[in-house]
PDB file of N, CA and C in Angstrom:
ATOM      1  N   MET A   1      77.501 109.208 134.062  1.00  0.00           N
ATOM      2  CA  MET A   1      77.438 107.851 134.598  1.00  0.00           C
ATOM      3  C   MET A   1      77.851 107.907 136.074  1.00  0.00           C
ATOM      4  N   ASN A   2      77.042 107.308 136.942  1.00  0.00           N
ATOM      5  CA  ASN A   2      77.390 107.295 138.362  1.00  0.00           C
ATOM      6  C   ASN A   2      78.341 106.130 138.671  1.00  0.00           C
ATOM      7  N   LEU A   3      78.822 106.089 139.909  1.00  0.00           N
ATOM      8  CA  LEU A   3      79.809 105.069 140.284  1.00  0.00           C
ATOM      9  C   LEU A   3      79.267 103.652 140.157  1.00  0.00           C
ATOM     10  N   LEU A   4      78.019 103.450 140.508  1.00  0.00           N
ATOM     11  CA  LEU A   4      77.460 102.104 140.418  1.00  0.00           C
ATOM     12  C   LEU A   4      77.341 101.653 138.963  1.00  0.00           C
ATOM     13  N   GLU A   5      76.911 102.542 138.080  1.00  0.00           N
ATOM     14  CA  GLU A   5      76.836 102.199 136.652  1.00  0.00           C
ATOM     15  C   GLU A   5      78.217 101.875 136.110  1.00  0.00           C
ATOM     16  N   LEU A   6      79.196 102.695 136.472  1.00  0.00           N
ATOM     17  CA  LEU A   6      80.582 102.430 136.053  1.00  0.00           C
ATOM     18  C   LEU A   6      81.048 101.094 136.616  1.00  0.00           C
ATOM     19  N   GLY A   7      80.720 100.844 137.877  1.00  0.00           N
ATOM     20  CA  GLY A   7      81.101  99.585 138.508  1.00  0.00           C
ATOM     21  C   GLY A   7      80.566  98.381 137.764  1.00  0.00           C
ATOM     22  N   TYR A   8      79.316  98.452 137.321  1.00  0.00           N
ATOM     23  CA  TYR A   8      78.746  97.338 136.552  1.00  0.00           C
ATOM     24  C   TYR A   8      79.392  97.205 135.179  1.00  0.00           C
ATOM     25  N   GLU A   9      79.854  98.314 134.612  1.00  0.00           N
ATOM     26  CA  GLU A   9      80.623  98.236 133.359  1.00  0.00           C
ATOM     27  C   GLU A   9      81.918  97.456 133.594  1.00  0.00           C
ATOM     28  N   VAL A  10      82.571  97.708 134.733  1.00  0.00           N
ATOM     29  CA  VAL A  10      83.800  96.981 135.084  1.00  0.00           C
ATOM     30  C   VAL A  10      83.485  95.503 135.291  1.00  0.00           C
ATOM     31  N   VAL A  11      82.413  95.212 136.016  1.00  0.00           N
ATOM     32  CA  VAL A  11      82.005  93.819 136.240  1.00  0.00           C
ATOM     33  C   VAL A  11      81.797  93.113 134.907  1.00  0.00           C
ATOM     34  N   ASP A  12      81.080  93.740 133.991  1.00  0.00           N
ATOM     35  CA  ASP A  12      80.819  93.117 132.694  1.00  0.00           C
ATOM     36  C   ASP A  12      82.094  92.912 131.884  1.00  0.00           C
ATOM     37  N   PHE A  13      83.000  93.894 131.925  1.00  0.00           N
ATOM     38  CA  PHE A  13      84.272  93.755 131.222  1.00  0.00           C
ATOM     39  C   PHE A  13      85.058  92.569 131.794  1.00  0.00           C
ATOM     40  N   CYS A  14      85.175  92.534 133.128  1.00  0.00           N
ATOM     41  CA  CYS A  14      85.929  91.450 133.767  1.00  0.00           C
ATOM     42  C   CYS A  14      85.273  90.099 133.531  1.00  0.00           C
ATOM     43  N   ARG A  15      83.966  90.078 133.549  1.00  0.00           N
ATOM     44  CA  ARG A  15      83.230  88.831 133.278  1.00  0.00           C
ATOM     45  C   ARG A  15      83.693  88.235 131.955  1.00  0.00           C
ATOM     46  N   GLY A  16      83.780  89.083 130.923  1.00  0.00           N
ATOM     47  CA  GLY A  16      84.215  88.619 129.611  1.00  0.00           C
ATOM     48  C   GLY A  16      85.670  88.193 129.593  1.00  0.00           C
ATOM     49  N   GLN A  17      86.522  88.967 130.245  1.00  0.00           N
ATOM     50  CA  GLN A  17      87.950  88.656 130.265  1.00  0.00           C
ATOM     51  C   GLN A  17      88.261  87.399 131.063  1.00  0.00           C
ATOM     52  N   LEU A  18      87.505  87.168 132.122  1.00  0.00           N
ATOM     53  CA  LEU A  18      87.769  86.036 133.014  1.00  0.00           C
ATOM     54  C   LEU A  18      86.954  84.795 132.668  1.00  0.00           C
ATOM     55  N   GLY A  19      86.020  84.917 131.744  1.00  0.00           N
ATOM     56  CA  GLY A  19      85.212  83.768 131.359  1.00  0.00           C
ATOM     57  C   GLY A  19      84.156  83.391 132.381  1.00  0.00           C
ATOM     58  N   VAL A  20      83.644  84.381 133.112  1.00  0.00           N
ATOM     59  CA  VAL A  20      82.553  84.125 134.051  1.00  0.00           C
ATOM     60  C   VAL A  20      81.245  84.194 133.248  1.00  0.00           C
ATOM     61  N   PRO A  21      80.479  83.112 133.204  1.00  0.00           N
ATOM     62  CA  PRO A  21      79.281  83.073 132.356  1.00  0.00           C
ATOM     63  C   PRO A  21      78.265  84.164 132.685  1.00  0.00           C
ATOM     64  N   ASP A  22      77.535  84.592 131.675  1.00  0.00           N
ATOM     65  CA  ASP A  22      76.532  85.641 131.838  1.00  0.00           C
ATOM     66  C   ASP A  22      75.434  85.264 132.822  1.00  0.00           C
ATOM     67  N   GLU A  23      75.135  83.981 132.933  1.00  0.00           N
ATOM     68  CA  GLU A  23      74.058  83.569 133.834  1.00  0.00           C
ATOM     69  C   GLU A  23      74.450  83.620 135.310  1.00  0.00           C
ATOM     70  N   VAL A  24      75.730  83.844 135.601  1.00  0.00           N
ATOM     71  CA  VAL A  24      76.177  84.000 136.984  1.00  0.00           C
ATOM     72  C   VAL A  24      75.767  85.394 137.445  1.00  0.00           C
ATOM     73  N   TYR A  25      74.918  85.457 138.472  1.00  0.00           N
ATOM     74  CA  TYR A  25      74.420  86.730 138.981  1.00  0.00           C
ATOM     75  C   TYR A  25      75.458  87.360 139.907  1.00  0.00           C
ATOM     76  N   ILE A  26      75.791  88.619 139.632  1.00  0.00           N
ATOM     77  CA  ILE A  26      76.750  89.358 140.460  1.00  0.00           C
ATOM     78  C   ILE A  26      76.097  90.665 140.878  1.00  0.00           C
ATOM     79  N   ASP A  27      75.933  90.841 142.190  1.00  0.00           N
ATOM     80  CA  ASP A  27      75.377  92.069 142.746  1.00  0.00           C
ATOM     81  C   ASP A  27      76.540  92.924 143.229  1.00  0.00           C
ATOM     82  N   LEU A  28      76.550  94.185 142.830  1.00  0.00           N
ATOM     83  CA  LEU A  28      77.612  95.115 143.215  1.00  0.00           C
ATOM     84  C   LEU A  28      77.046  96.163 144.151  1.00  0.00           C
ATOM     85  N   GLN A  29      77.724  96.379 145.269  1.00  0.00           N
ATOM     86  CA  GLN A  29      77.344  97.406 146.235  1.00  0.00           C
ATOM     87  C   GLN A  29      78.535  98.332 146.449  1.00  0.00           C
ATOM     88  N   VAL A  30      78.297  99.632 146.347  1.00  0.00           N
ATOM     89  CA  VAL A  30      79.314 100.639 146.658  1.00  0.00           C
ATOM     90  C   VAL A  30      78.856 101.271 147.957  1.00  0.00           C
ATOM     91  N   ILE A  31      79.508 100.852 149.064  1.00  0.00           N
ATOM     92  CA  ILE A  31      79.019 101.203 150.400  1.00  0.00           C
ATOM     93  C   ILE A  31      80.181 101.586 151.322  1.00  0.00           C
ATOM     94  N   ASP A  32      79.835 101.972 152.537  1.00  0.00           N
ATOM     95  CA  ASP A  32      80.825 102.334 153.552  1.00  0.00           C
ATOM     96  C   ASP A  32      81.368 101.057 154.200  1.00  0.00           C
ATOM     97  N   LEU A  33      82.632 100.767 153.934  1.00  0.00           N
ATOM     98  CA  LEU A  33      83.291  99.594 154.521  1.00  0.00           C
ATOM     99  C   LEU A  33      84.398  99.977 155.497  1.00  0.00           C
ATOM    100  N   LYS A  34      84.509 101.263 155.833  1.00  0.00           N
ATOM    101  CA  LYS A  34      85.616 101.720 156.681  1.00  0.00           C
ATOM    102  C   LYS A  34      85.694 100.968 158.010  1.00  0.00           C
ATOM    103  N   GLU A  35      84.552 100.715 158.635  1.00  0.00           N
ATOM    104  CA  GLU A  35      84.554 100.007 159.924  1.00  0.00           C
ATOM    105  C   GLU A  35      85.044  98.574 159.791  1.00  0.00           C
ATOM    106  N   ASP A  36      84.916  98.004 158.597  1.00  0.00           N
ATOM    107  CA  ASP A  36      85.365  96.633 158.370  1.00  0.00           C
ATOM    108  C   ASP A  36      86.854  96.554 158.061  1.00  0.00           C
ATOM    109  N   GLY A  37      87.479  97.704 157.785  1.00  0.00           N
ATOM    110  CA  GLY A  37      88.920  97.728 157.525  1.00  0.00           C
ATOM    111  C   GLY A  37      89.329  97.142 156.188  1.00  0.00           C
ATOM    112  N   VAL A  38      88.408  97.135 155.222  1.00  0.00           N
ATOM    113  CA  VAL A  38      88.711  96.621 153.890  1.00  0.00           C
ATOM    114  C   VAL A  38      88.253  97.637 152.853  1.00  0.00           C
ATOM    115  N   VAL A  39      88.776  97.505 151.628  1.00  0.00           N
ATOM    116  CA  VAL A  39      88.289  98.352 150.529  1.00  0.00           C
ATOM    117  C   VAL A  39      87.328  97.584 149.633  1.00  0.00           C
ATOM    118  N   GLY A  40      87.279  96.272 149.818  1.00  0.00           N
ATOM    119  CA  GLY A  40      86.342  95.479 149.037  1.00  0.00           C
ATOM    120  C   GLY A  40      86.415  94.015 149.403  1.00  0.00           C
ATOM    121  N   TRP A  41      85.350  93.310 149.032  1.00  0.00           N
ATOM    122  CA  TRP A  41      85.343  91.854 149.165  1.00  0.00           C
ATOM    123  C   TRP A  41      84.272  91.253 148.285  1.00  0.00           C
ATOM    124  N   ALA A  42      84.425  89.964 148.058  1.00  0.00           N
ATOM    125  CA  ALA A  42      83.471  89.207 147.243  1.00  0.00           C
ATOM    126  C   ALA A  42      83.104  87.953 148.013  1.00  0.00           C
ATOM    127  N   PHE A  43      81.847  87.553 147.881  1.00  0.00           N
ATOM    128  CA  PHE A  43      81.402  86.347 148.566  1.00  0.00           C
ATOM    129  C   PHE A  43      80.167  85.783 147.876  1.00  0.00           C
ATOM    130  N   GLU A  44      79.919  84.489 148.134  1.00  0.00           N
ATOM    131  CA  GLU A  44      78.692  83.872 147.650  1.00  0.00           C
ATOM    132  C   GLU A  44      77.552  84.438 148.469  1.00  0.00           C
ATOM    133  N   SER A  45      76.453  84.734 147.805  1.00  0.00           N
ATOM    134  CA  SER A  45      75.343  85.365 148.521  1.00  0.00           C
ATOM    135  C   SER A  45      74.316  84.366 149.029  1.00  0.00           C
ATOM    136  N   GLY A  46      74.663  83.112 149.055  1.00  0.00           N
ATOM    137  CA  GLY A  46      73.780  82.100 149.612  1.00  0.00           C
ATOM    138  C   GLY A  46      73.115  81.218 148.582  1.00  0.00           C
ATOM    139  N   GLU A  47      72.811  81.766 147.433  1.00  0.00           N
ATOM    140  CA  GLU A  47      72.200  80.981 146.367  1.00  0.00           C
ATOM    141  C   GLU A  47      73.293  80.509 145.411  1.00  0.00           C
ATOM    142  N   ASP A  48      73.124  79.311 144.877  1.00  0.00           N
ATOM    143  CA  ASP A  48      74.090  78.792 143.909  1.00  0.00           C
ATOM    144  C   ASP A  48      74.160  79.720 142.696  1.00  0.00           C
ATOM    145  N   GLY A  49      75.350  80.127 142.349  1.00  0.00           N
ATOM    146  CA  GLY A  49      75.517  80.961 141.171  1.00  0.00           C
ATOM    147  C   GLY A  49      75.229  82.431 141.395  1.00  0.00           C
ATOM    148  N   GLU A  50      75.117  82.857 142.663  1.00  0.00           N
ATOM    149  CA  GLU A  50      74.900  84.262 142.974  1.00  0.00           C
ATOM    150  C   GLU A  50      76.019  84.749 143.887  1.00  0.00           C
ATOM    151  N   TYR A  51      76.599  85.883 143.495  1.00  0.00           N
ATOM    152  CA  TYR A  51      77.742  86.424 144.215  1.00  0.00           C
ATOM    153  C   TYR A  51      77.536  87.905 144.477  1.00  0.00           C
ATOM    154  N   GLU A  52      78.188  88.387 145.511  1.00  0.00           N
ATOM    155  CA  GLU A  52      78.097  89.799 145.845  1.00  0.00           C
ATOM    156  C   GLU A  52      79.497  90.379 145.961  1.00  0.00           C
ATOM    157  N   ILE A  53      79.649  91.572 145.422  1.00  0.00           N
ATOM    158  CA  ILE A  53      80.880  92.340 145.563  1.00  0.00           C
ATOM    159  C   ILE A  53      80.516  93.624 146.281  1.00  0.00           C
ATOM    160  N   GLU A  54      81.252  93.941 147.330  1.00  0.00           N
ATOM    161  CA  GLU A  54      81.083  95.203 148.031  1.00  0.00           C
ATOM    162  C   GLU A  54      82.406  95.961 147.950  1.00  0.00           C
ATOM    163  N   VAL A  55      82.336  97.249 147.596  1.00  0.00           N
ATOM    164  CA  VAL A  55      83.531  98.089 147.532  1.00  0.00           C
ATOM    165  C   VAL A  55      83.276  99.374 148.302  1.00  0.00           C
ATOM    166  N   GLU A  56      84.352  99.908 148.864  1.00  0.00           N
ATOM    167  CA  GLU A  56      84.309 101.134 149.655  1.00  0.00           C
ATOM    168  C   GLU A  56      83.892 102.315 148.788  1.00  0.00           C
ATOM    169  N   GLU A  57      82.937 103.086 149.287  1.00  0.00           N
ATOM    170  CA  GLU A  57      82.358 104.186 148.522  1.00  0.00           C
ATOM    171  C   GLU A  57      83.260 105.406 148.363  1.00  0.00           C
ATOM    172  N   THR A  58      84.312 105.528 149.174  1.00  0.00           N
ATOM    173  CA  THR A  58      85.157 106.722 149.108  1.00  0.00           C
ATOM    174  C   THR A  58      86.406 106.542 148.245  1.00  0.00           C
ATOM    175  N   LEU A  59      86.529 105.413 147.562  1.00  0.00           N
ATOM    176  CA  LEU A  59      87.715 105.159 146.750  1.00  0.00           C
ATOM    177  C   LEU A  59      87.787 106.130 145.572  1.00  0.00           C
ATOM    178  N   GLU A  60      88.998 106.514 145.215  1.00  0.00           N
ATOM    179  CA  GLU A  60      89.212 107.271 143.988  1.00  0.00           C
ATOM    180  C   GLU A  60      88.865 106.370 142.811  1.00  0.00           C
ATOM    181  N   LEU A  61      88.567 106.963 141.675  1.00  0.00           N
ATOM    182  CA  LEU A  61      88.087 106.219 140.509  1.00  0.00           C
ATOM    183  C   LEU A  61      88.991 105.056 140.123  1.00  0.00           C
ATOM    184  N   LYS A  62      90.288 105.316 140.018  1.00  0.00           N
ATOM    185  CA  LYS A  62      91.213 104.250 139.602  1.00  0.00           C
ATOM    186  C   LYS A  62      91.235 103.111 140.615  1.00  0.00           C
ATOM    187  N   GLU A  63      91.229 103.450 141.917  1.00  0.00           N
ATOM    188  CA  GLU A  63      91.251 102.414 142.947  1.00  0.00           C
ATOM    189  C   GLU A  63      89.928 101.643 142.983  1.00  0.00           C
ATOM    190  N   LEU A  64      88.823 102.317 142.718  1.00  0.00           N
ATOM    191  CA  LEU A  64      87.523 101.649 142.645  1.00  0.00           C
ATOM    192  C   LEU A  64      87.525 100.605 141.536  1.00  0.00           C
ATOM    193  N   ILE A  65      87.983 100.996 140.364  1.00  0.00           N
ATOM    194  CA  ILE A  65      88.043 100.075 139.223  1.00  0.00           C
ATOM    195  C   ILE A  65      88.961  98.901 139.526  1.00  0.00           C
ATOM    196  N   THR A  66      90.137  99.185 140.068  1.00  0.00           N
ATOM    197  CA  THR A  66      91.100  98.128 140.393  1.00  0.00           C
ATOM    198  C   THR A  66      90.537  97.177 141.440  1.00  0.00           C
ATOM    199  N   THR A  67      89.841  97.716 142.440  1.00  0.00           N
ATOM    200  CA  THR A  67      89.261  96.877 143.488  1.00  0.00           C
ATOM    201  C   THR A  67      88.176  95.970 142.923  1.00  0.00           C
ATOM    202  N   ILE A  68      87.329  96.493 142.057  1.00  0.00           N
ATOM    203  CA  ILE A  68      86.305  95.652 141.440  1.00  0.00           C
ATOM    204  C   ILE A  68      86.958  94.551 140.607  1.00  0.00           C
ATOM    205  N   CYS A  69      88.014  94.883 139.874  1.00  0.00           N
ATOM    206  CA  CYS A  69      88.739  93.863 139.096  1.00  0.00           C
ATOM    207  C   CYS A  69      89.290  92.779 140.010  1.00  0.00           C
ATOM    208  N   HIS A  70      89.881  93.181 141.123  1.00  0.00           N
ATOM    209  CA  HIS A  70      90.422  92.242 142.112  1.00  0.00           C
ATOM    210  C   HIS A  70      89.311  91.308 142.612  1.00  0.00           C
ATOM    211  N   GLU A  71      88.188  91.892 142.964  1.00  0.00           N
ATOM    212  CA  GLU A  71      87.084  91.093 143.493  1.00  0.00           C
ATOM    213  C   GLU A  71      86.457  90.195 142.437  1.00  0.00           C
ATOM    214  N   MET A  72      86.493  90.616 141.191  1.00  0.00           N
ATOM    215  CA  MET A  72      85.992  89.753 140.116  1.00  0.00           C
ATOM    216  C   MET A  72      86.845  88.498 139.954  1.00  0.00           C
ATOM    217  N   VAL A  73      88.140  88.603 140.211  1.00  0.00           N
ATOM    218  CA  VAL A  73      88.986  87.400 140.199  1.00  0.00           C
ATOM    219  C   VAL A  73      88.503  86.452 141.289  1.00  0.00           C
ATOM    220  N   HIS A  74      88.149  86.997 142.452  1.00  0.00           N
ATOM    221  CA  HIS A  74      87.624  86.149 143.526  1.00  0.00           C
ATOM    222  C   HIS A  74      86.280  85.532 143.141  1.00  0.00           C
ATOM    223  N   VAL A  75      85.426  86.273 142.447  1.00  0.00           N
ATOM    224  CA  VAL A  75      84.164  85.698 141.984  1.00  0.00           C
ATOM    225  C   VAL A  75      84.442  84.496 141.085  1.00  0.00           C
ATOM    226  N   LYS A  76      85.415  84.644 140.193  1.00  0.00           N
ATOM    227  CA  LYS A  76      85.764  83.513 139.321  1.00  0.00           C
ATOM    228  C   LYS A  76      86.242  82.325 140.155  1.00  0.00           C
ATOM    229  N   GLN A  77      87.074  82.586 141.148  1.00  0.00           N
ATOM    230  CA  GLN A  77      87.569  81.515 142.006  1.00  0.00           C
ATOM    231  C   GLN A  77      86.412  80.838 142.739  1.00  0.00           C
ATOM    232  N   LEU A  78      85.497  81.633 143.275  1.00  0.00           N
ATOM    233  CA  LEU A  78      84.338  81.076 143.977  1.00  0.00           C
ATOM    234  C   LEU A  78      83.465  80.261 143.029  1.00  0.00           C
ATOM    235  N   PHE A  79      83.222  80.796 141.840  1.00  0.00           N
ATOM    236  CA  PHE A  79      82.401  80.105 140.847  1.00  0.00           C
ATOM    237  C   PHE A  79      83.012  78.761 140.461  1.00  0.00           C
ATOM    238  N   GLU A  80      84.331  78.741 140.354  1.00  0.00           N
ATOM    239  CA  GLU A  80      85.034  77.511 139.992  1.00  0.00           C
ATOM    240  C   GLU A  80      85.290  76.609 141.191  1.00  0.00           C
ATOM    241  N   ARG A  81      84.763  77.012 142.347  1.00  0.00           N
ATOM    242  CA  ARG A  81      84.911  76.237 143.594  1.00  0.00           C
ATOM    243  C   ARG A  81      86.371  76.053 143.983  1.00  0.00           C
ATOM    244  N   ARG A  82      87.165  77.099 143.713  1.00  0.00           N
ATOM    245  CA  ARG A  82      88.563  77.064 144.108  1.00  0.00           C
ATOM    246  C   ARG A  82      88.750  77.883 145.380  1.00  0.00           C
ATOM    247  N   GLU A  83      89.848  77.629 146.059  1.00  0.00           N
ATOM    248  CA  GLU A  83      90.200  78.423 147.233  1.00  0.00           C
ATOM    249  C   GLU A  83      90.536  79.846 146.796  1.00  0.00           C
ATOM    250  N   LEU A  84      90.138  80.830 147.609  1.00  0.00           N
ATOM    251  CA  LEU A  84      90.479  82.215 147.283  1.00  0.00           C
ATOM    252  C   LEU A  84      91.984  82.387 147.328  1.00  0.00           C
ATOM    253  N   ASN A  85      92.523  83.013 146.311  1.00  0.00           N
ATOM    254  CA  ASN A  85      93.959  83.169 146.166  1.00  0.00           C
ATOM    255  C   ASN A  85      94.267  84.649 145.924  1.00  0.00           C
ATOM    256  N   GLU A  86      94.821  85.289 146.958  1.00  0.00           N
ATOM    257  CA  GLU A  86      95.131  86.716 146.850  1.00  0.00           C
ATOM    258  C   GLU A  86      96.230  86.986 145.825  1.00  0.00           C
ATOM    259  N   ASP A  87      97.199  86.085 145.702  1.00  0.00           N
ATOM    260  CA  ASP A  87      98.263  86.283 144.716  1.00  0.00           C
ATOM    261  C   ASP A  87      97.678  86.363 143.305  1.00  0.00           C
ATOM    262  N   GLU A  88      96.742  85.481 143.008  1.00  0.00           N
ATOM    263  CA  GLU A  88      96.095  85.491 141.697  1.00  0.00           C
ATOM    264  C   GLU A  88      95.300  86.786 141.502  1.00  0.00           C
ATOM    265  N   ALA A  89      94.575  87.209 142.540  1.00  0.00           N
ATOM    266  CA  ALA A  89      93.764  88.425 142.438  1.00  0.00           C
ATOM    267  C   ALA A  89      94.645  89.659 142.260  1.00  0.00           C
ATOM    268  N   TYR A  90      95.694  89.776 143.075  1.00  0.00           N
ATOM    269  CA  TYR A  90      96.603  90.918 142.928  1.00  0.00           C
ATOM    270  C   TYR A  90      97.346  90.867 141.597  1.00  0.00           C
ATOM    271  N   GLY A  91      97.669  89.670 141.141  1.00  0.00           N
ATOM    272  CA  GLY A  91      98.386  89.523 139.879  1.00  0.00           C
ATOM    273  C   GLY A  91      97.572  89.899 138.654  1.00  0.00           C
ATOM    274  N   ASN A  92      96.260  89.883 138.778  1.00  0.00           N
ATOM    275  CA  ASN A  92      95.395  90.173 137.643  1.00  0.00           C
ATOM    276  C   ASN A  92      94.664  91.505 137.716  1.00  0.00           C
ATOM    277  N   GLU A  93      94.608  92.107 138.907  1.00  0.00           N
ATOM    278  CA  GLU A  93      93.801  93.323 139.060  1.00  0.00           C
ATOM    279  C   GLU A  93      94.266  94.465 138.162  1.00  0.00           C
ATOM    280  N   ASP A  94      95.571  94.714 138.095  1.00  0.00           N
ATOM    281  CA  ASP A  94      96.075  95.826 137.280  1.00  0.00           C
ATOM    282  C   ASP A  94      95.919  95.541 135.786  1.00  0.00           C
ATOM    283  N   ILE A  95      96.127  94.302 135.386  1.00  0.00           N
ATOM    284  CA  ILE A  95      95.958  93.924 133.975  1.00  0.00           C
ATOM    285  C   ILE A  95      94.513  94.171 133.549  1.00  0.00           C
ATOM    286  N   LEU A  96      93.568  93.726 134.384  1.00  0.00           N
ATOM    287  CA  LEU A  96      92.154  93.926 134.075  1.00  0.00           C
ATOM    288  C   LEU A  96      91.787  95.407 134.096  1.00  0.00           C
ATOM    289  N   ALA A  97      92.272  96.140 135.104  1.00  0.00           N
ATOM    290  CA  ALA A  97      91.945  97.568 135.216  1.00  0.00           C
ATOM    291  C   ALA A  97      92.499  98.350 134.032  1.00  0.00           C
ATOM    292  N   GLU A  98      93.727  98.036 133.618  1.00  0.00           N
ATOM    293  CA  GLU A  98      94.304  98.721 132.454  1.00  0.00           C
ATOM    294  C   GLU A  98      93.529  98.366 131.186  1.00  0.00           C
ATOM    295  N   GLY A  99      93.147  97.100 131.062  1.00  0.00           N
ATOM    296  CA  GLY A  99      92.352  96.690 129.908  1.00  0.00           C
ATOM    297  C   GLY A  99      91.021  97.414 129.869  1.00  0.00           C
ATOM    298  N   PHE A 100      90.390  97.550 131.016  1.00  0.00           N
ATOM    299  CA  PHE A 100      89.116  98.268 131.076  1.00  0.00           C
ATOM    300  C   PHE A 100      89.306  99.742 130.741  1.00  0.00           C
ATOM    301  N   SER A 101      90.334 100.355 131.300  1.00  0.00           N
ATOM    302  CA  SER A 101      90.530 101.787 131.055  1.00  0.00           C
ATOM    303  C   SER A 101      90.889 102.053 129.597  1.00  0.00           C
ATOM    304  N   ASN A 102      91.607 101.146 128.947  1.00  0.00           N
ATOM    305  CA  ASN A 102      91.887 101.284 127.522  1.00  0.00           C
ATOM    306  C   ASN A 102      90.606 101.105 126.716  1.00  0.00           C
ATOM    307  N   TYR A 103      89.777 100.171 127.142  1.00  0.00           N
ATOM    308  CA  TYR A 103      88.511  99.885 126.463  1.00  0.00           C
ATOM    309  C   TYR A 103      87.525 101.037 126.640  1.00  0.00           C
ATOM    310  N   GLU A 104      87.469 101.611 127.836  1.00  0.00           N
ATOM    311  CA  GLU A 104      86.488 102.657 128.154  1.00  0.00           C
ATOM    312  C   GLU A 104      87.077 104.065 128.126  1.00  0.00           C
ATOM    313  N   SER A 105      88.394 104.206 128.057  1.00  0.00           N
ATOM    314  CA  SER A 105      89.052 105.520 128.100  1.00  0.00           C
ATOM    315  C   SER A 105      88.606 106.343 129.293  1.00  0.00           C
ATOM    316  N   VAL A 106      88.662 105.744 130.500  1.00  0.00           N
ATOM    317  CA  VAL A 106      88.219 106.447 131.699  1.00  0.00           C
ATOM    318  C   VAL A 106      89.325 107.265 132.369  1.00  0.00           C
ATOM    319  N   PHE A 107      90.584 106.981 132.070  1.00  0.00           N
ATOM    320  CA  PHE A 107      91.670 107.721 132.721  1.00  0.00           C
ATOM    321  C   PHE A 107      92.290 108.677 131.723  1.00  0.00           C
TER     322      PHE A 107
END
């Protein structure tokens, strides 16, 4: 399984845990974000109900999974039309990542 396939497995796991409906389109990109100074971000992609997550391509496996979990919390916030809340995202990223790793036995 490549990183993008694994990433979509994380997205699907978080979708279920966070209650993000299946009809919400989420595009995942594993790309070079070094120049932007971030390891990941989530944003609305312009269409209602469509979101994009971008994560840094050089992350170690555990950090990649945790970052996608963090960004999925932001997708939920965006979907619910709430303000982005880093405390909520940081507070849930490890719980989601551990749940995924227990579910998938990746670590």
